[in-house]
Amino acid sequence: MNDGYDHYLDQTRDTVYCWFNPESGDTLYRTDGAETDLFFHSVGEAERFLKQEAAQDTGKDYTRMCLYEIHVQRVEYAANILMDQSEIDDFQ
């Protein structure tokens, strides 16, 4: 089962990066058509995107954004939880 973000993870990478403002709760994300993407593969990619956004949107203050490193470890699939729940309901 592919949860849509597995392409960020491989045998050597279990870390993604995201821009977050801890004061306001705002995040900086990319949009491509109907897709919204919060995560970046590398620090360099995240930095390039921030610079690009700041150059395009000069009216917005990006100085309070912080780059966060997120260590990703899959815990379980939602399908398993939903399947377990339906089985419980069947016995009640």
C-alpha atoms as a PDB file:
ATOM      1  CA  MET A   1       0.000   0.000   0.000  1.00  0.00           C
ATOM      2  CA  ASN A   2       1.391   3.432  -0.944  1.00  0.00           C
ATOM      3  CA  ASP A   3       0.371   6.296   1.315  1.00  0.00           C
ATOM      4  CA  GLY A   4       1.446   8.992  -1.166  1.00  0.00           C
ATOM      5  CA  TYR A   5       4.542  10.101   0.716  1.00  0.00           C
ATOM      6  CA  ASP A   6       6.606   6.928   0.387  1.00  0.00           C
ATOM      7  CA  HIS A   7       8.473   8.583  -2.489  1.00  0.00           C
ATOM      8  CA  TYR A   8      10.160  10.772   0.152  1.00  0.00           C
ATOM      9  CA  LEU A   9      11.551   7.754   1.927  1.00  0.00           C
ATOM     10  CA  ASP A  10      14.021   5.158   0.762  1.00  0.00           C
ATOM     11  CA  GLN A  11      16.540   2.842   2.366  1.00  0.00           C
ATOM     12  CA  THR A  12      18.810   5.728   3.414  1.00  0.00           C
ATOM     13  CA  ARG A  13      16.415   8.636   3.966  1.00  0.00           C
ATOM     14  CA  ASP A  14      13.904   8.784   6.777  1.00  0.00           C
ATOM     15  CA  THR A  15      13.943  12.554   7.182  1.00  0.00           C
ATOM     16  CA  VAL A  16      11.902  15.297   5.525  1.00  0.00           C
ATOM     17  CA  TYR A  17      11.925  19.056   6.058  1.00  0.00           C
ATOM     18  CA  CYS A  18       9.201  21.664   6.357  1.00  0.00           C
ATOM     19  CA  TRP A  19       8.892  25.400   6.959  1.00  0.00           C
ATOM     20  CA  PHE A  20       6.824  26.326  10.019  1.00  0.00           C
ATOM     21  CA  ASN A  21       6.234  29.541  11.963  1.00  0.00           C
ATOM     22  CA  PRO A  22       5.903  28.500  15.631  1.00  0.00           C
ATOM     23  CA  GLU A  23       4.387  31.865  16.583  1.00  0.00           C
ATOM     24  CA  SER A  24       1.525  31.877  14.078  1.00  0.00           C
ATOM     25  CA  GLY A  25       1.253  28.183  13.175  1.00  0.00           C
ATOM     26  CA  ASP A  26       1.685  29.027   9.475  1.00  0.00           C
ATOM     27  CA  THR A  27       3.404  26.601   7.133  1.00  0.00           C
ATOM     28  CA  LEU A  28       5.056  27.222   3.794  1.00  0.00           C
ATOM     29  CA  TYR A  29       4.059  24.720   1.133  1.00  0.00           C
ATOM     30  CA  ARG A  30       4.224  24.191  -2.609  1.00  0.00           C
ATOM     31  CA  THR A  31       1.201  23.824  -4.805  1.00  0.00           C
ATOM     32  CA  ASP A  32       1.256  22.253  -8.237  1.00  0.00           C
ATOM     33  CA  GLY A  33      -2.200  22.179  -9.735  1.00  0.00           C
ATOM     34  CA  ALA A  34      -4.364  20.204  -7.339  1.00  0.00           C
ATOM     35  CA  GLU A  35      -1.398  18.940  -5.278  1.00  0.00           C
ATOM     36  CA  THR A  36      -0.179  20.603  -2.101  1.00  0.00           C
ATOM     37  CA  ASP A  37       3.205  19.570  -0.764  1.00  0.00           C
ATOM     38  CA  LEU A  38       4.453  20.512   2.688  1.00  0.00           C
ATOM     39  CA  PHE A  39       7.638  18.428   2.711  1.00  0.00           C
ATOM     40  CA  PHE A  40      11.051  18.901   1.108  1.00  0.00           C
ATOM     41  CA  HIS A  41      13.690  16.241   0.381  1.00  0.00           C
ATOM     42  CA  SER A  42      16.647  18.305   1.582  1.00  0.00           C
ATOM     43  CA  VAL A  43      17.660  21.474   3.391  1.00  0.00           C
ATOM     44  CA  GLY A  44      18.938  22.919   0.111  1.00  0.00           C
ATOM     45  CA  GLU A  45      15.632  22.298  -1.653  1.00  0.00           C
ATOM     46  CA  ALA A  46      13.730  23.929   1.224  1.00  0.00           C
ATOM     47  CA  GLU A  47      16.056  26.942   1.246  1.00  0.00           C
ATOM     48  CA  ARG A  48      15.726  27.444  -2.512  1.00  0.00           C
ATOM     49  CA  PHE A  49      11.948  27.333  -2.251  1.00  0.00           C
ATOM     50  CA  LEU A  50      11.906  29.875   0.596  1.00  0.00           C
ATOM     51  CA  LYS A  51      14.087  32.290  -1.392  1.00  0.00           C
ATOM     52  CA  GLN A  52      11.889  31.856  -4.469  1.00  0.00           C
ATOM     53  CA  GLU A  53       8.692  32.505  -2.500  1.00  0.00           C
ATOM     54  CA  ALA A  54      10.159  35.554  -0.750  1.00  0.00           C
ATOM     55  CA  ALA A  55      11.256  37.026  -4.094  1.00  0.00           C
ATOM     56  CA  GLN A  56       7.799  36.486  -5.635  1.00  0.00           C
ATOM     57  CA  ASP A  57       5.713  37.647  -2.658  1.00  0.00           C
ATOM     58  CA  THR A  58       7.527  40.703  -1.292  1.00  0.00           C
ATOM     59  CA  GLY A  59       4.530  41.727   0.827  1.00  0.00           C
ATOM     60  CA  LYS A  60       4.795  38.705   3.100  1.00  0.00           C
ATOM     61  CA  ASP A  61       7.261  38.455   5.994  1.00  0.00           C
ATOM     62  CA  TYR A  62       9.060  35.101   5.835  1.00  0.00           C
ATOM     63  CA  THR A  63      11.644  35.961   8.512  1.00  0.00           C
ATOM     64  CA  ARG A  64       9.786  34.142  11.294  1.00  0.00           C
ATOM     65  CA  MET A  65       9.641  30.853   9.400  1.00  0.00           C
ATOM     66  CA  CYS A  66      11.794  28.061  10.826  1.00  0.00           C
ATOM     67  CA  LEU A  67      12.963  24.972   8.977  1.00  0.00           C
ATOM     68  CA  TYR A  68      12.078  21.793  10.838  1.00  0.00           C
ATOM     69  CA  GLU A  69      13.613  18.384  10.323  1.00  0.00           C
ATOM     70  CA  ILE A  70      11.089  15.595  10.703  1.00  0.00           C
ATOM     71  CA  HIS A  71      12.158  12.012  11.274  1.00  0.00           C
ATOM     72  CA  VAL A  72       9.575   9.768   9.673  1.00  0.00           C
ATOM     73  CA  GLN A  73       8.742   6.318  10.883  1.00  0.00           C
ATOM     74  CA  ARG A  74       5.580   4.584   9.761  1.00  0.00           C
ATOM     75  CA  VAL A  75       3.615   3.310  12.708  1.00  0.00           C
ATOM     76  CA  GLU A  76       0.715   1.641  10.919  1.00  0.00           C
ATOM     77  CA  TYR A  77      -1.688   1.945   7.998  1.00  0.00           C
ATOM     78  CA  ALA A  78      -5.078   3.602   8.381  1.00  0.00           C
ATOM     79  CA  ALA A  79      -6.623   0.712   6.439  1.00  0.00           C
ATOM     80  CA  ASN A  80      -5.586  -1.664   9.221  1.00  0.00           C
ATOM     81  CA  ILE A  81      -7.224   0.534  11.846  1.00  0.00           C
ATOM     82  CA  LEU A  82     -10.411   0.890   9.835  1.00  0.00           C
ATOM     83  CA  MET A  83     -10.500  -2.838   9.180  1.00  0.00           C
ATOM     84  CA  ASP A  84     -10.016  -3.588  12.890  1.00  0.00           C
ATOM     85  CA  GLN A  85     -12.808  -1.165  13.793  1.00  0.00           C
ATOM     86  CA  SER A  86     -15.253  -2.744  11.346  1.00  0.00           C
ATOM     87  CA  GLU A  87     -14.482  -6.194  12.735  1.00  0.00           C
ATOM     88  CA  ILE A  88     -15.208  -4.983  16.266  1.00  0.00           C
ATOM     89  CA  ASP A  89     -18.521  -3.497  15.135  1.00  0.00           C
ATOM     90  CA  ASP A  90     -19.447  -6.812  13.517  1.00  0.00           C
ATOM     91  CA  PHE A  91     -19.297  -8.565  16.894  1.00  0.00           C
ATOM     92  CA  GLN A  92     -21.358  -6.042  18.860  1.00  0.00           C
END
